Protein backbone atom coordinates (compact mmCIF):
# COMPACT_ATOMS: atom_id res chain seq x y z
CA MET A 1 299.16 208.85 229.35
CA GLN A 2 300.35 206.17 231.74
CA ARG A 3 297.01 206.38 233.51
CA LEU A 4 295.13 205.94 230.20
CA PHE A 5 297.41 203.27 228.66
CA PRO A 6 299.66 201.98 231.42
CA ASP A 7 300.30 198.44 230.14
CA PHE A 8 300.54 199.39 226.48
CA TRP A 9 302.89 202.30 227.11
CA LEU A 10 305.17 200.54 229.57
CA ARG A 11 305.52 197.34 227.53
CA ASN A 12 306.70 199.09 224.35
CA SER A 13 310.35 199.40 223.55
CA LEU A 14 312.07 202.75 223.37
CA ALA A 15 312.23 202.44 219.59
CA ALA A 16 308.47 201.81 219.45
CA ARG A 17 307.84 204.83 221.64
CA ILE A 18 309.98 206.99 219.36
CA ALA A 19 308.09 205.62 216.35
CA LEU A 20 304.71 206.41 217.93
CA ALA A 21 305.86 209.87 218.97
CA SER A 22 307.20 210.52 215.45
CA ALA A 23 303.94 209.37 213.90
CA PHE A 24 301.94 211.60 216.23
CA PHE A 25 304.21 214.54 215.55
CA GLY A 26 304.02 213.80 211.82
CA LEU A 27 300.23 213.73 212.07
CA LEU A 28 300.23 217.19 213.62
CA ILE A 29 302.63 218.63 211.04
CA THR A 30 300.93 216.95 208.08
CA GLY A 31 297.48 217.93 209.36
CA GLY A 32 298.61 221.53 209.62
CA ALA A 33 300.11 221.37 206.11
CA ILE A 34 296.87 219.92 204.74
CA VAL A 35 294.79 222.67 206.32
CA VAL A 36 297.11 225.33 204.92
CA GLY A 37 297.18 223.64 201.52
CA PHE A 38 293.39 223.30 201.42
CA TYR A 39 292.97 226.97 202.32
CA ALA A 40 295.55 228.09 199.73
CA LEU A 41 293.96 225.92 197.02
CA THR A 42 290.51 227.32 197.82
CA GLN A 43 291.83 230.86 197.55
CA GLN A 44 293.50 230.11 194.23
CA LEU A 45 290.35 228.58 192.81
CA ASP A 46 288.27 231.56 193.95
CA ALA A 47 290.77 233.96 192.38
CA ARG A 48 290.75 231.98 189.13
CA SER A 49 286.94 231.96 189.07
CA ALA A 50 286.80 235.72 189.57
CA THR A 51 289.40 236.31 186.85
CA GLU A 52 287.50 234.13 184.40
CA LEU A 53 284.23 235.90 185.13
CA LEU A 54 285.78 239.34 184.68
CA GLY A 55 287.34 238.23 181.39
CA LYS A 56 284.03 236.94 180.03
CA ARG A 57 282.30 240.07 181.28
CA ASP A 58 284.62 242.20 179.17
CA LEU A 59 283.84 240.08 176.12
CA VAL A 60 280.09 240.33 176.75
CA LEU A 61 280.31 244.13 177.06
CA HIS A 62 282.36 244.28 173.87
CA VAL A 63 279.78 242.27 171.89
CA LEU A 64 276.96 244.42 173.34
CA SER A 65 278.73 247.57 172.21
CA GLU A 66 278.70 246.27 168.60
CA ILE A 67 274.97 245.45 168.58
CA SER A 68 272.75 248.25 167.35
CA SER A 69 270.06 248.00 170.03
CA PRO A 70 268.69 245.73 172.75
CA GLU A 71 266.02 244.56 170.32
CA ALA A 72 268.75 243.26 168.03
CA VAL A 73 270.28 241.07 170.72
CA ASN A 74 268.08 238.10 169.81
CA GLN A 75 269.14 238.32 166.15
CA ASN A 76 272.83 238.33 167.26
CA LYS A 77 272.38 235.59 169.82
CA HIS A 78 274.91 233.41 168.01
CA ARG A 79 277.64 235.90 168.78
CA PHE A 80 277.06 235.46 172.52
CA GLY A 81 276.88 231.71 172.02
CA ASP A 82 280.34 231.81 170.50
CA LEU A 83 281.61 233.22 173.81
CA LEU A 84 280.26 230.20 175.66
CA ILE A 85 281.58 227.49 173.34
CA GLY A 86 283.75 225.07 175.33
CA HIS A 87 282.57 226.58 178.62
CA ASP A 88 279.64 224.48 179.75
CA ASP A 89 280.10 225.90 183.21
CA LEU A 90 279.31 229.48 182.04
CA HIS A 91 275.71 230.76 182.02
CA LEU A 92 274.62 234.11 180.50
CA ALA A 93 271.32 235.94 180.66
CA LEU A 94 270.54 239.37 179.11
CA VAL A 95 267.58 241.48 180.29
CA ASP A 96 266.10 244.74 179.03
CA PRO A 97 266.14 246.97 182.15
CA ALA A 98 263.32 249.15 180.84
CA SER A 99 260.79 246.37 180.38
CA GLY A 100 262.36 243.76 182.62
CA GLN A 101 261.97 241.21 179.84
CA SER A 102 264.64 238.69 178.99
CA VAL A 103 266.21 239.44 175.63
CA ALA A 104 268.48 236.37 175.65
CA SER A 105 269.06 233.37 177.91
CA PHE A 106 271.42 230.48 177.25
CA SER A 107 270.47 227.96 180.00
CA ALA A 108 268.01 227.26 182.76
CA ILE A 109 270.60 228.28 185.33
CA ALA A 110 271.03 231.58 183.48
CA ARG A 111 267.31 232.24 183.80
CA GLN A 112 267.40 231.32 187.50
CA SER A 113 270.31 233.68 188.08
CA VAL A 114 268.14 236.68 187.16
CA SER A 115 265.78 236.22 190.10
CA ALA A 116 268.62 235.11 192.41
CA LEU A 117 270.82 238.15 191.71
CA ASP A 118 268.19 240.88 191.41
CA THR A 119 268.33 241.36 195.17
CA ARG A 120 272.10 241.84 195.04
CA PRO A 121 273.57 245.33 194.41
CA ASN A 122 274.70 246.03 190.85
CA SER A 123 278.46 246.01 190.38
CA SER A 124 280.56 245.24 187.39
CA THR A 125 283.45 244.09 189.58
CA SER A 126 281.84 242.36 192.58
CA VAL A 127 281.57 238.58 192.44
CA HIS A 128 278.58 237.05 194.22
CA ALA A 129 278.17 233.43 195.29
CA TRP A 130 274.77 231.79 194.95
CA THR A 131 273.29 228.32 194.84
CA ALA A 132 270.92 227.09 192.13
CA PRO A 133 267.70 225.27 193.12
CA THR A 134 269.29 222.06 191.83
CA GLY A 135 272.18 222.47 194.27
CA GLU A 136 274.97 223.79 192.05
CA ARG A 137 277.28 226.34 193.64
CA LEU A 138 278.01 229.28 191.38
CA ASN A 139 279.89 232.54 191.31
CA ALA A 140 278.21 235.36 189.42
CA ILE A 141 278.73 238.91 188.28
CA HIS A 142 275.98 241.21 186.98
CA GLY A 143 275.76 244.76 185.77
CA ILE A 144 274.61 247.01 182.92
CA GLY A 145 276.10 247.14 179.43
CA THR A 146 275.38 249.58 176.59
CA ALA A 147 274.31 248.81 173.01
CA ALA A 148 275.52 250.82 169.99
CA ASN A 149 272.46 253.15 170.18
CA GLY A 150 273.28 253.95 173.83
CA LYS A 151 270.48 251.89 175.36
CA SER A 152 271.25 249.74 178.41
CA VAL A 153 271.17 245.97 178.70
CA ARG A 154 271.44 244.16 182.02
CA TYR A 155 273.71 241.09 181.96
CA TYR A 156 273.89 238.13 184.40
CA LEU A 157 277.02 236.00 184.02
CA SER A 158 277.41 232.92 186.28
CA LEU A 159 280.21 230.36 186.61
CA ASP A 160 279.45 226.84 187.84
CA ARG A 161 281.98 225.79 190.52
CA ARG A 162 281.38 222.03 190.25
CA HIS A 163 284.83 221.46 188.73
CA ASP A 164 286.43 223.31 191.59
CA SER A 165 284.36 221.32 194.09
CA ARG A 166 285.49 218.10 192.44
CA LEU A 167 289.11 219.24 192.62
CA LEU A 168 288.78 220.04 196.32
CA ALA A 169 286.99 216.73 196.97
CA GLY A 170 289.77 214.90 195.13
CA PHE A 171 292.36 216.69 197.23
CA ILE A 172 290.62 215.64 200.46
CA LYS A 173 290.18 212.07 199.22
CA ALA A 174 293.82 211.76 198.17
CA THR A 175 294.87 213.21 201.53
CA LEU A 176 292.73 210.78 203.51
CA VAL A 177 294.10 207.86 201.52
CA GLY A 178 297.73 208.98 201.52
CA LEU A 179 297.98 210.31 205.06
CA PRO A 180 297.80 206.92 206.86
CA ILE A 181 300.34 205.47 204.43
CA LEU A 182 302.63 208.47 204.95
CA LEU A 183 302.33 208.20 208.74
CA LEU A 184 303.03 204.48 208.57
CA ILE A 185 306.16 205.13 206.52
CA VAL A 186 307.25 207.83 208.99
CA ALA A 187 306.63 205.51 211.96
CA LEU A 188 308.51 202.61 210.35
CA GLY A 189 311.37 204.90 209.36
CA ALA A 190 311.58 206.35 212.88
CA TRP A 191 311.50 202.84 214.36
CA LEU A 192 314.29 201.65 212.06
CA ILE A 193 316.40 204.73 212.79
CA ALA A 194 315.81 204.45 216.53
CA SER A 195 316.53 200.72 216.52
CA THR A 196 319.78 201.29 214.63
CA GLY A 197 320.77 204.22 216.86
CA LEU A 198 320.03 202.26 220.02
CA THR A 199 322.01 199.20 218.95
CA PRO A 200 324.88 200.13 221.33
CA LEU A 201 322.44 199.84 224.23
CA ARG A 202 322.25 196.13 223.52
CA ARG A 203 325.96 196.02 224.33
CA PHE A 204 325.13 197.55 227.70
CA HIS A 205 322.43 194.92 228.18
CA ARG A 206 324.68 192.02 227.26
CA LEU A 207 327.48 193.29 229.46
CA ALA A 208 325.19 193.96 232.42
CA ALA A 209 323.70 190.47 232.05
CA SER A 210 327.16 188.87 232.00
CA ILE A 211 328.63 190.71 234.99
CA GLY A 212 329.16 188.64 238.11
CA ALA A 213 331.52 188.48 241.05
CA GLN A 214 334.20 186.93 238.83
CA SER A 215 333.78 189.29 235.86
CA LEU A 216 333.81 192.77 237.38
CA SER A 217 336.78 193.71 235.19
CA GLN A 218 334.67 193.83 232.00
CA ARG A 219 334.17 197.27 230.43
CA ILE A 220 332.22 198.76 227.52
CA SER A 221 334.26 200.01 224.59
CA SER A 222 333.29 203.66 224.02
CA SER A 223 334.94 203.96 220.61
CA GLY A 224 332.51 204.89 217.84
CA LEU A 225 329.64 205.70 220.19
CA PRO A 226 327.58 208.89 219.75
CA THR A 227 328.09 211.65 222.29
CA GLU A 228 325.11 210.74 224.49
CA LEU A 229 326.01 207.05 224.66
CA TYR A 230 329.72 207.83 224.94
CA GLU A 231 329.06 209.74 228.15
CA LEU A 232 326.83 206.90 229.38
CA ALA A 233 329.55 204.34 228.59
CA GLU A 234 332.19 206.40 230.41
CA GLU A 235 329.97 206.77 233.47
CA PHE A 236 329.09 203.06 233.36
CA ASN A 237 332.77 202.10 233.15
CA GLY A 238 333.54 204.49 236.01
CA MET A 239 330.80 202.86 238.08
CA MET A 240 332.24 199.42 237.30
CA ASP A 241 335.70 200.64 238.34
CA ARG A 242 334.32 201.78 241.68
CA ILE A 243 332.37 198.56 242.20
CA ASP A 244 335.41 196.47 241.25
CA ALA A 245 337.66 198.44 243.59
CA GLY A 246 335.13 198.23 246.42
CA TYR A 247 334.68 194.50 245.89
CA ARG A 248 338.43 193.94 245.94
CA ARG A 249 338.76 196.01 249.11
CA LEU A 250 335.98 193.96 250.66
CA GLN A 251 337.75 190.74 249.69
CA ASP A 252 341.04 192.02 251.08
CA PHE A 253 339.33 193.22 254.23
CA SER A 254 337.57 189.89 254.76
CA GLY A 255 340.82 187.99 254.40
CA GLU A 256 342.75 190.40 256.60
CA LEU A 257 340.05 190.43 259.27
CA ALA A 258 339.87 186.65 259.32
CA HIS A 259 343.65 186.47 259.60
CA GLU A 260 343.78 189.03 262.41
CA MET A 261 340.99 187.42 264.41
CA ARG A 262 342.27 183.89 263.93
CA THR A 263 345.33 184.37 266.20
CA PRO A 264 343.54 185.72 269.32
CA VAL A 265 340.67 183.26 268.91
CA ALA A 266 343.12 180.38 268.56
CA THR A 267 345.03 181.65 271.59
CA LEU A 268 341.84 181.87 273.65
CA MET A 269 340.72 178.44 272.56
CA GLY A 270 344.11 176.81 273.18
CA ARG A 271 344.59 178.37 276.64
CA THR A 272 341.06 177.43 277.65
CA GLN A 273 341.39 173.83 276.40
CA VAL A 274 344.71 173.41 278.19
CA ALA A 275 343.24 174.83 281.39
CA LEU A 276 340.32 172.39 281.19
CA SER A 277 342.41 169.35 280.33
CA HIS A 278 343.64 168.90 283.95
CA LYS A 279 342.57 169.89 287.34
CA ARG A 280 343.73 173.39 288.16
CA THR A 281 343.92 175.49 291.26
CA SER A 282 342.02 178.73 291.61
CA ALA A 283 345.23 180.70 291.11
CA GLU A 284 345.97 178.84 287.87
CA PHE A 285 342.44 179.44 286.55
CA ARG A 286 342.76 183.09 287.49
CA GLU A 287 346.00 183.33 285.52
CA VAL A 288 344.33 181.76 282.49
CA LEU A 289 341.35 184.14 282.73
CA GLU A 290 343.62 187.16 283.05
CA GLY A 291 345.43 186.11 279.88
CA ASN A 292 342.11 185.60 278.15
CA VAL A 293 340.98 189.10 279.17
CA GLU A 294 344.05 190.59 277.46
CA GLU A 295 343.21 188.79 274.24
CA LEU A 296 339.54 189.79 274.50
CA GLU A 297 340.53 193.42 275.01
CA ARG A 298 342.66 193.22 271.89
CA LEU A 299 339.72 191.74 269.97
CA SER A 300 337.48 194.51 271.29
CA ARG A 301 339.93 197.19 270.10
CA LEU A 302 340.18 195.47 266.75
CA ILE A 303 336.39 195.40 266.30
CA ALA A 304 335.99 199.02 267.43
CA ASP A 305 338.72 200.19 265.04
CA MET A 306 337.21 198.29 262.11
CA LEU A 307 333.76 199.73 262.81
CA PHE A 308 335.22 203.23 262.88
CA ILE A 309 337.05 202.78 259.57
CA ALA A 310 333.98 201.24 257.91
CA ARG A 311 331.78 204.15 258.98
CA ALA A 312 334.37 206.70 257.90
CA ASP A 313 334.77 205.04 254.49
CA HIS A 314 330.97 205.17 253.97
CA SER A 315 330.65 208.78 255.18
CA GLU A 316 328.64 207.67 258.19
CA THR A 317 330.87 209.56 260.63
CA LEU A 318 329.19 212.89 261.40
CA LEU A 319 331.83 215.45 262.21
CA GLN A 320 331.29 217.88 265.08
CA GLY A 321 332.88 220.90 263.46
CA GLU A 322 334.50 223.62 265.58
CA LEU A 323 337.50 225.94 265.43
CA LEU A 324 340.55 224.20 266.90
CA GLU A 325 343.94 225.58 267.91
CA LEU A 326 346.18 222.75 266.69
CA ALA A 327 349.01 223.67 269.06
CA GLN A 328 346.74 223.29 272.09
CA GLU A 329 345.37 219.96 270.84
CA ALA A 330 348.86 218.65 270.11
CA GLN A 331 350.13 219.75 273.55
CA ARG A 332 347.16 218.09 275.23
CA VAL A 333 348.00 214.79 273.50
CA ALA A 334 351.72 215.20 274.36
CA ASP A 335 350.84 215.69 278.03
CA TYR A 336 348.64 212.59 277.91
CA LEU A 337 351.52 210.48 276.53
CA LEU A 338 354.15 212.09 278.75
CA LEU A 339 354.65 209.04 280.99
CA ILE A 340 355.22 206.73 278.01
CA ALA A 341 357.74 209.21 276.55
CA GLU A 342 359.56 209.62 279.88
CA GLU A 343 359.95 205.85 280.24
CA ARG A 344 362.09 205.91 277.09
CA GLU A 345 363.63 209.30 277.93
CA ILE A 346 362.12 210.90 274.83
CA ALA A 347 361.32 214.62 274.72
CA VAL A 348 358.22 215.85 272.89
CA GLU A 349 358.30 219.40 271.50
CA VAL A 350 355.36 221.32 269.96
CA THR A 351 356.09 224.39 267.78
CA GLY A 352 353.99 226.62 265.54
CA THR A 353 350.31 227.53 265.70
CA ALA A 354 347.28 227.39 263.42
CA ILE A 355 343.50 227.30 263.65
CA VAL A 356 341.44 224.82 261.64
CA MET A 357 337.80 223.79 261.43
CA ALA A 358 337.68 220.15 262.53
CA ASP A 359 336.21 217.55 264.88
CA ARG A 360 338.11 217.80 268.19
CA LEU A 361 337.83 214.15 269.26
CA LEU A 362 338.81 212.76 265.86
CA ILE A 363 341.77 215.09 265.44
CA GLU A 364 342.98 214.22 268.94
CA ARG A 365 342.74 210.56 268.02
CA ALA A 366 344.73 211.09 264.80
CA ILE A 367 347.45 213.04 266.65
CA THR A 368 347.50 210.41 269.43
CA ASN A 369 347.97 207.58 266.92
CA LEU A 370 350.84 209.40 265.18
CA LEU A 371 352.55 210.57 268.38
CA SER A 372 352.31 207.20 270.16
CA ASN A 373 353.64 205.52 267.03
CA ALA A 374 356.50 208.04 266.83
CA ILE A 375 357.42 207.52 270.53
CA ARG A 376 357.26 203.74 270.20
CA HIS A 377 359.66 203.67 267.23
CA ALA A 378 362.01 206.52 268.23
CA PHE A 379 365.56 206.03 269.46
CA ALA A 380 365.94 206.26 273.24
CA ASN A 381 367.13 209.64 274.53
CA SER A 382 365.89 211.34 271.32
CA LYS A 383 363.31 213.99 270.52
CA VAL A 384 359.91 213.83 268.84
CA SER A 385 358.84 217.15 267.33
CA ILE A 386 355.36 218.35 266.34
CA VAL A 387 355.55 221.27 263.90
CA ILE A 388 352.40 223.21 262.92
CA ALA A 389 352.39 225.60 259.95
CA THR A 390 350.10 227.28 257.42
CA ASP A 391 351.22 227.45 253.82
CA GLY A 392 348.90 229.10 251.31
CA ASP A 393 345.70 227.08 251.03
CA ARG A 394 346.61 224.38 253.54
CA THR A 395 347.57 223.87 257.18
CA THR A 396 349.95 221.10 258.22
CA LEU A 397 350.80 219.25 261.43
CA ALA A 398 354.01 217.22 261.09
CA VAL A 399 355.13 214.60 263.64
CA THR A 400 358.83 213.72 263.29
CA ASN A 401 360.88 211.18 265.26
CA GLN A 402 364.47 210.03 265.14
CA GLY A 403 364.57 206.29 264.62
CA GLU A 404 365.27 203.44 262.28
CA GLY A 405 362.87 204.81 259.69
CA ILE A 406 360.75 202.96 257.17
CA ALA A 407 362.01 201.45 253.93
CA GLN A 408 360.45 202.76 250.71
CA ALA A 409 358.94 199.34 249.97
CA HIS A 410 356.92 199.58 253.21
CA LEU A 411 356.28 203.33 253.05
CA ASN A 412 353.76 202.99 250.22
CA ARG A 413 351.65 200.49 252.19
CA ILE A 414 351.77 201.59 255.81
CA PHE A 415 348.29 203.17 255.59
CA ASP A 416 346.72 199.87 254.48
CA ARG A 417 344.62 198.04 257.04
CA PHE A 418 346.50 195.45 259.12
CA TYR A 419 349.78 196.23 257.38
CA ARG A 420 352.76 196.07 259.74
CA VAL A 421 356.42 196.73 258.99
CA ASP A 422 357.36 194.40 261.87
CA ALA A 423 354.37 192.14 262.48
CA ALA A 424 355.89 190.25 265.43
CA ARG A 425 356.88 193.42 267.27
CA ALA A 426 353.47 195.02 266.63
CA ARG A 427 351.68 192.06 268.18
CA LEU A 428 353.89 192.20 271.24
CA ASP A 429 353.09 195.91 271.59
CA GLY A 430 349.37 195.10 271.44
CA GLY A 431 348.79 196.91 268.14
CA THR A 432 346.07 195.97 265.70
CA GLY A 433 347.70 197.30 262.53
CA LEU A 434 344.87 199.83 262.09
CA GLY A 435 346.32 202.96 263.70
CA LEU A 436 347.57 204.60 260.49
CA ALA A 437 344.53 203.41 258.54
CA ILE A 438 342.36 205.22 261.12
CA VAL A 439 344.46 208.39 260.71
CA ARG A 440 343.96 208.28 256.94
CA SER A 441 340.18 207.77 257.32
CA ILE A 442 339.97 210.71 259.75
CA MET A 443 341.82 213.02 257.37
CA LEU A 444 339.78 211.93 254.35
CA ALA A 445 336.61 212.65 256.32
CA HIS A 446 337.96 216.19 256.90
CA GLY A 447 338.75 216.66 253.21
CA GLY A 448 342.50 216.44 253.89
CA GLN A 449 345.21 213.79 253.72
CA VAL A 450 348.12 212.25 255.60
CA ILE A 451 351.60 212.01 254.06
CA ALA A 452 354.53 209.84 255.19
CA TYR A 453 358.21 210.55 254.59
CA SER A 454 361.17 208.60 255.93
CA ARG A 455 364.94 208.45 255.74
CA PRO A 456 365.92 204.94 256.88
CA GLY A 457 368.29 205.03 259.86
CA SER A 458 367.61 208.72 260.49
CA GLU A 459 364.04 210.03 260.87
CA THR A 460 360.41 209.59 259.87
CA THR A 461 357.75 212.28 259.42
CA PHE A 462 353.98 211.90 259.24
CA THR A 463 352.16 215.06 258.11
CA LEU A 464 348.47 215.83 258.55
CA VAL A 465 347.28 218.20 255.78
CA PHE A 466 344.13 220.28 256.45
CA PRO A 467 342.43 222.32 253.74
CA VAL A 468 341.99 225.96 254.82
CA ALA A 469 338.37 225.87 253.59
CA GLY A 470 337.55 223.15 256.14
CA PHE A 471 336.05 219.73 255.60
CA PRO A 472 332.99 219.08 253.37
CA SER A 473 329.87 220.72 254.82
CA PRO A 474 327.50 217.70 254.35
CA LYS A 475 329.39 215.94 257.18
CA LEU A 476 328.90 218.77 259.65
CA VAL A 477 326.38 218.49 262.46
């Protein structure tokens, strides 16, 4: 249809399409009803014609039985004429079968019926259709009756069907006149109903047209909507919630990134300008460049971490899935950070065992971030423990240190990007404020989560939770 009427079909509104489809469907249904009605009416008229002929036949046979002989038919012609009064569509002819001569005939059509029906088999119950030379369509019945003296008389009784033809023609004419009007009414009704039913869609249109960067909080009221549009409204509102949340995260991220990059860039610019403001020795320039390298390395780590989080949030990180023994991975990370722990006289202990399906490099990075963070904030001469366990449908890896802990006000935000409990100390340690955010992104990519618990002044625990079923299969390679 689009190939035949592309512009016409695509330009029409949905209500117009429903109206056209309803009219077409109505045409099919009405056309079928007309065909059935025409057939039923034809059958009824045929049955009525046959019944009328059989009734008149019985009367003709009765009158014949009261006439003394075939020769007396002509003298009693008025009695047969009485049968035909008020029935100008009935035609009767009587013939003497012995001589073949007509003994009575009441019309020209009656006389014509004799020659037309002589070739048909005699039957007092069979109705034959024939057409007069002048074009009239007739039904006829012919047979042999008996006079009072026992002699036979052949009768030919015909019924003109012109009234039935006129009735059928009137039916067709009325149908042809009324059908377009009926279809037009159906189409207009369908259009009005569709337009009324689709009124809520205009609310969608107005809302979609009004949405901008400053109006993402607008929502469609789903009260009073039909089921189909209610579901659409709920999905639309859900989409707007996701867009609004994503836009807000993007705004927050842009502000946080600008804030984080402003300090090292300002440091680089200030050190460089100071170095260029006076003549310096090679040693002094070298000292400036070495300081600049430290800031550039920090910027590089910041950019790399942000790229990783962005890819993880958009499911662009393809996980290299394999079976991992968490105890071995945790011990490998502990050995890697052994020197840092020994500097502060902190012992690292790994207990428990479990096997999970995960990406080795990413899990090592998550454990490294948690363990290095735990060592950095633990009391000197204390212990950091890594406990691995499986409980029902999940496997956990908990990293616990003994230290100052984290206040509840900070605990709810420590996984946010660039959030630092002690911003000044974090900068001195060279942190970017993205370590825990990276851990959360890694666990979300694996279909798990990370949970933080702290008792201020005593201990803090970060727990990695792995689903036993493994991470979502679409991210596997």
